[in-house]
């Protein structure tokens, strides 16, 4: 599986959410709504989720292992750097 496109929408303001990203895999599958968040220990990605109760969110899509999450995260951060 390869990332074939990344679209980054940078956000302005005081929000912890710094960007919203769409990632295309193998030119045939797109995941929209990945948030890039500024946390206490640095930037991280949050996969698309939906609220199922007052305080519980459920990921709609997510990587099944840490290596894939890191590959997605590194690719998103590189795409953000290119926009600077």
N, C-alpha and C. Protein backbone atom coordinates (compact mmCIF):
# COMPACT_ATOMS: atom_id res chain seq x y z
N UNK A 1 0.84 -1.17 0.00
CA UNK A 1 0.00 0.00 0.00
C UNK A 1 0.89 1.24 0.00
N UNK A 2 0.58 2.15 -0.91
CA UNK A 2 1.36 3.38 -1.00
C UNK A 2 0.44 4.58 -0.97
N UNK A 3 0.96 5.65 -0.38
CA UNK A 3 0.25 6.93 -0.43
C UNK A 3 0.56 7.55 -1.78
N UNK A 4 -0.50 7.86 -2.54
CA UNK A 4 -0.30 8.41 -3.87
C UNK A 4 -0.68 9.89 -3.97
N UNK A 5 -1.36 10.44 -2.96
CA UNK A 5 -1.68 11.86 -2.95
C UNK A 5 -2.04 12.29 -1.54
N UNK A 6 -1.66 13.53 -1.23
CA UNK A 6 -2.03 14.13 0.05
C UNK A 6 -2.48 15.55 -0.22
N UNK A 7 -3.67 15.90 0.28
CA UNK A 7 -4.17 17.26 0.18
C UNK A 7 -4.28 17.81 1.59
N UNK A 8 -3.60 18.95 1.83
CA UNK A 8 -3.54 19.56 3.15
C UNK A 8 -4.25 20.90 3.11
N UNK A 9 -5.17 21.12 4.05
CA UNK A 9 -5.79 22.43 4.23
C UNK A 9 -5.32 22.95 5.59
N UNK A 10 -4.41 23.93 5.54
CA UNK A 10 -3.90 24.52 6.77
C UNK A 10 -4.98 25.40 7.39
N UNK A 11 -5.07 25.39 8.73
CA UNK A 11 -6.04 26.20 9.45
C UNK A 11 -5.33 27.29 10.23
N UNK A 12 -5.93 28.45 10.29
CA UNK A 12 -5.37 29.56 11.06
C UNK A 12 -6.10 29.64 12.40
N UNK A 13 -5.55 30.44 13.29
CA UNK A 13 -6.22 30.69 14.56
C UNK A 13 -5.57 29.98 15.72
N UNK A 14 -6.27 30.05 16.83
CA UNK A 14 -5.76 29.54 18.10
C UNK A 14 -6.11 28.07 18.36
N UNK A 15 -6.84 27.46 17.47
CA UNK A 15 -7.26 26.07 17.65
C UNK A 15 -6.05 25.14 17.69
N UNK A 16 -6.18 24.05 18.43
CA UNK A 16 -5.13 23.02 18.44
C UNK A 16 -5.08 22.26 17.12
N UNK A 17 -6.18 22.28 16.36
CA UNK A 17 -6.20 21.63 15.06
C UNK A 17 -5.50 22.56 14.07
N UNK A 18 -4.38 22.10 13.52
CA UNK A 18 -3.56 22.93 12.65
C UNK A 18 -3.82 22.69 11.17
N UNK A 19 -4.37 21.51 10.82
CA UNK A 19 -4.66 21.20 9.42
C UNK A 19 -5.68 20.07 9.35
N UNK A 20 -6.38 20.03 8.21
CA UNK A 20 -7.27 18.93 7.88
C UNK A 20 -6.74 18.33 6.58
N UNK A 21 -6.63 17.01 6.54
CA UNK A 21 -5.91 16.35 5.46
C UNK A 21 -6.76 15.25 4.84
N UNK A 22 -6.58 15.07 3.51
CA UNK A 22 -7.14 13.92 2.79
C UNK A 22 -5.96 13.14 2.21
N UNK A 23 -5.94 11.84 2.44
CA UNK A 23 -4.85 10.98 1.96
C UNK A 23 -5.42 9.94 1.00
N UNK A 24 -4.80 9.83 -0.17
CA UNK A 24 -5.20 8.83 -1.17
C UNK A 24 -4.19 7.68 -1.14
N UNK A 25 -4.70 6.46 -1.12
CA UNK A 25 -3.88 5.26 -1.12
C UNK A 25 -4.06 4.54 -2.45
N UNK A 26 -2.94 4.17 -3.08
CA UNK A 26 -2.93 3.37 -4.31
C UNK A 26 -3.85 3.93 -5.41
N UNK A 27 -4.00 5.25 -5.45
CA UNK A 27 -4.84 5.92 -6.45
C UNK A 27 -6.28 5.41 -6.48
N UNK A 28 -6.74 4.76 -5.39
CA UNK A 28 -8.09 4.20 -5.46
C UNK A 28 -8.89 4.29 -4.15
N UNK A 29 -8.28 4.77 -3.06
CA UNK A 29 -9.00 4.84 -1.80
C UNK A 29 -8.58 6.12 -1.08
N UNK A 30 -9.56 6.98 -0.71
CA UNK A 30 -9.27 8.26 -0.07
C UNK A 30 -9.84 8.28 1.34
N UNK A 31 -9.05 8.79 2.28
CA UNK A 31 -9.51 9.03 3.63
C UNK A 31 -9.50 10.55 3.84
N UNK A 32 -10.70 11.13 4.01
CA UNK A 32 -10.85 12.56 4.27
C UNK A 32 -10.98 12.78 5.77
N UNK A 33 -10.67 13.98 6.21
CA UNK A 33 -10.95 14.37 7.59
C UNK A 33 -9.92 13.93 8.61
N UNK A 34 -8.67 13.74 8.19
CA UNK A 34 -7.61 13.46 9.16
C UNK A 34 -7.16 14.81 9.73
N UNK A 35 -7.20 14.95 11.04
CA UNK A 35 -6.81 16.21 11.68
C UNK A 35 -5.37 16.14 12.16
N UNK A 36 -4.64 17.24 11.96
CA UNK A 36 -3.31 17.38 12.52
C UNK A 36 -3.47 18.28 13.75
N UNK A 37 -3.09 17.76 14.91
CA UNK A 37 -3.33 18.45 16.18
C UNK A 37 -2.01 18.75 16.87
N UNK A 38 -1.94 19.96 17.44
CA UNK A 38 -0.78 20.36 18.25
C UNK A 38 -1.04 19.93 19.68
N UNK A 39 -0.29 18.93 20.15
CA UNK A 39 -0.44 18.44 21.51
C UNK A 39 0.69 18.93 22.40
N UNK A 40 0.68 18.55 23.64
CA UNK A 40 1.71 18.95 24.59
C UNK A 40 3.07 18.38 24.22
N UNK A 41 3.09 17.23 23.54
CA UNK A 41 4.36 16.60 23.16
C UNK A 41 4.65 16.77 21.68
N UNK A 42 3.95 17.68 21.00
CA UNK A 42 4.18 17.91 19.58
C UNK A 42 2.96 17.56 18.75
N UNK A 43 3.16 17.59 17.44
CA UNK A 43 2.07 17.34 16.49
C UNK A 43 1.77 15.85 16.39
N UNK A 44 0.47 15.54 16.18
CA UNK A 44 0.06 14.18 15.93
C UNK A 44 -1.17 14.20 15.04
N UNK A 45 -1.51 13.05 14.47
CA UNK A 45 -2.70 12.97 13.63
C UNK A 45 -3.83 12.29 14.40
N UNK A 46 -5.05 12.73 14.09
CA UNK A 46 -6.25 12.11 14.64
C UNK A 46 -7.08 11.65 13.45
N UNK A 47 -7.38 10.38 13.40
CA UNK A 47 -8.14 9.82 12.29
C UNK A 47 -9.60 10.25 12.39
N UNK A 48 -10.33 10.22 11.28
CA UNK A 48 -11.75 10.61 11.30
C UNK A 48 -12.52 9.75 12.31
N UNK A 49 -13.41 10.40 13.05
CA UNK A 49 -14.19 9.69 14.05
C UNK A 49 -15.59 10.29 14.12
N UNK A 50 -16.46 9.59 14.81
CA UNK A 50 -17.80 10.12 15.04
C UNK A 50 -18.15 9.95 16.51
N UNK A 51 -18.97 10.85 16.99
CA UNK A 51 -19.37 10.84 18.39
C UNK A 51 -20.51 9.83 18.55
N UNK A 52 -20.34 8.90 19.50
CA UNK A 52 -21.40 7.91 19.71
C UNK A 52 -22.14 8.12 21.03
N UNK A 53 -21.56 8.93 21.92
CA UNK A 53 -22.25 9.35 23.15
C UNK A 53 -21.59 10.65 23.61
N UNK A 54 -22.02 11.17 24.74
CA UNK A 54 -21.53 12.47 25.20
C UNK A 54 -20.01 12.58 25.26
N UNK A 55 -19.32 11.52 25.64
CA UNK A 55 -17.87 11.62 25.80
C UNK A 55 -17.10 10.52 25.05
N UNK A 56 -17.78 9.78 24.18
CA UNK A 56 -17.13 8.67 23.50
C UNK A 56 -17.12 8.92 21.99
N UNK A 57 -15.92 8.81 21.41
CA UNK A 57 -15.75 8.93 19.97
C UNK A 57 -15.24 7.60 19.43
N UNK A 58 -15.67 7.24 18.23
CA UNK A 58 -15.28 5.99 17.60
C UNK A 58 -14.62 6.30 16.27
N UNK A 59 -13.38 5.79 16.07
CA UNK A 59 -12.70 5.99 14.79
C UNK A 59 -13.51 5.34 13.67
N UNK A 60 -13.63 6.06 12.57
CA UNK A 60 -14.30 5.52 11.38
C UNK A 60 -13.32 4.66 10.60
N UNK A 61 -12.10 5.16 10.43
CA UNK A 61 -11.00 4.41 9.81
C UNK A 61 -9.76 4.62 10.65
N UNK A 62 -8.87 3.65 10.63
CA UNK A 62 -7.62 3.80 11.35
C UNK A 62 -6.63 2.73 10.91
N UNK A 63 -5.32 3.03 11.03
CA UNK A 63 -4.32 2.01 10.72
C UNK A 63 -4.39 0.88 11.76
N UNK A 64 -4.02 -0.30 11.34
CA UNK A 64 -4.08 -1.44 12.26
C UNK A 64 -2.76 -1.73 12.96
N UNK A 65 -1.71 -0.95 12.61
CA UNK A 65 -0.44 -1.14 13.30
C UNK A 65 0.33 0.18 13.37
N UNK A 66 1.31 0.23 14.24
CA UNK A 66 2.04 1.48 14.48
C UNK A 66 2.92 1.87 13.29
N UNK A 67 3.40 0.90 12.53
CA UNK A 67 4.24 1.21 11.37
C UNK A 67 3.44 1.97 10.31
N UNK A 68 2.22 1.54 10.07
CA UNK A 68 1.38 2.22 9.08
C UNK A 68 0.99 3.60 9.57
N UNK A 69 0.67 3.73 10.85
CA UNK A 69 0.35 5.05 11.41
C UNK A 69 1.54 5.99 11.23
N UNK A 70 2.75 5.52 11.51
CA UNK A 70 3.94 6.36 11.37
C UNK A 70 4.16 6.75 9.91
N UNK A 71 3.96 5.83 8.98
CA UNK A 71 4.11 6.13 7.56
C UNK A 71 3.14 7.23 7.13
N UNK A 72 1.89 7.13 7.58
CA UNK A 72 0.88 8.14 7.24
C UNK A 72 1.26 9.47 7.88
N UNK A 73 1.59 9.44 9.16
CA UNK A 73 1.96 10.66 9.89
C UNK A 73 3.17 11.34 9.25
N UNK A 74 4.22 10.59 8.97
CA UNK A 74 5.43 11.17 8.36
C UNK A 74 5.12 11.79 7.00
N UNK A 75 4.28 11.12 6.21
CA UNK A 75 3.93 11.65 4.89
C UNK A 75 3.13 12.94 5.01
N UNK A 76 2.22 12.99 5.96
CA UNK A 76 1.41 14.21 6.17
C UNK A 76 2.32 15.36 6.62
N UNK A 77 3.21 15.09 7.57
CA UNK A 77 4.09 16.15 8.06
C UNK A 77 5.01 16.66 6.95
N UNK A 78 5.48 15.77 6.08
CA UNK A 78 6.32 16.18 4.95
C UNK A 78 5.53 17.06 3.99
N UNK A 79 4.27 16.71 3.73
CA UNK A 79 3.42 17.53 2.84
C UNK A 79 3.17 18.90 3.46
N UNK A 80 3.02 18.96 4.77
CA UNK A 80 2.82 20.25 5.45
C UNK A 80 4.07 21.11 5.34
N UNK A 81 5.23 20.49 5.46
CA UNK A 81 6.51 21.23 5.34
C UNK A 81 6.65 21.85 3.96
N UNK A 82 6.21 21.13 2.93
CA UNK A 82 6.29 21.64 1.57
C UNK A 82 5.45 22.89 1.37
N UNK A 83 4.39 23.04 2.18
CA UNK A 83 3.53 24.22 2.05
C UNK A 83 4.12 25.46 2.72
N UNK A 84 5.10 25.27 3.56
CA UNK A 84 5.68 26.43 4.27
C UNK A 84 6.58 27.24 3.39
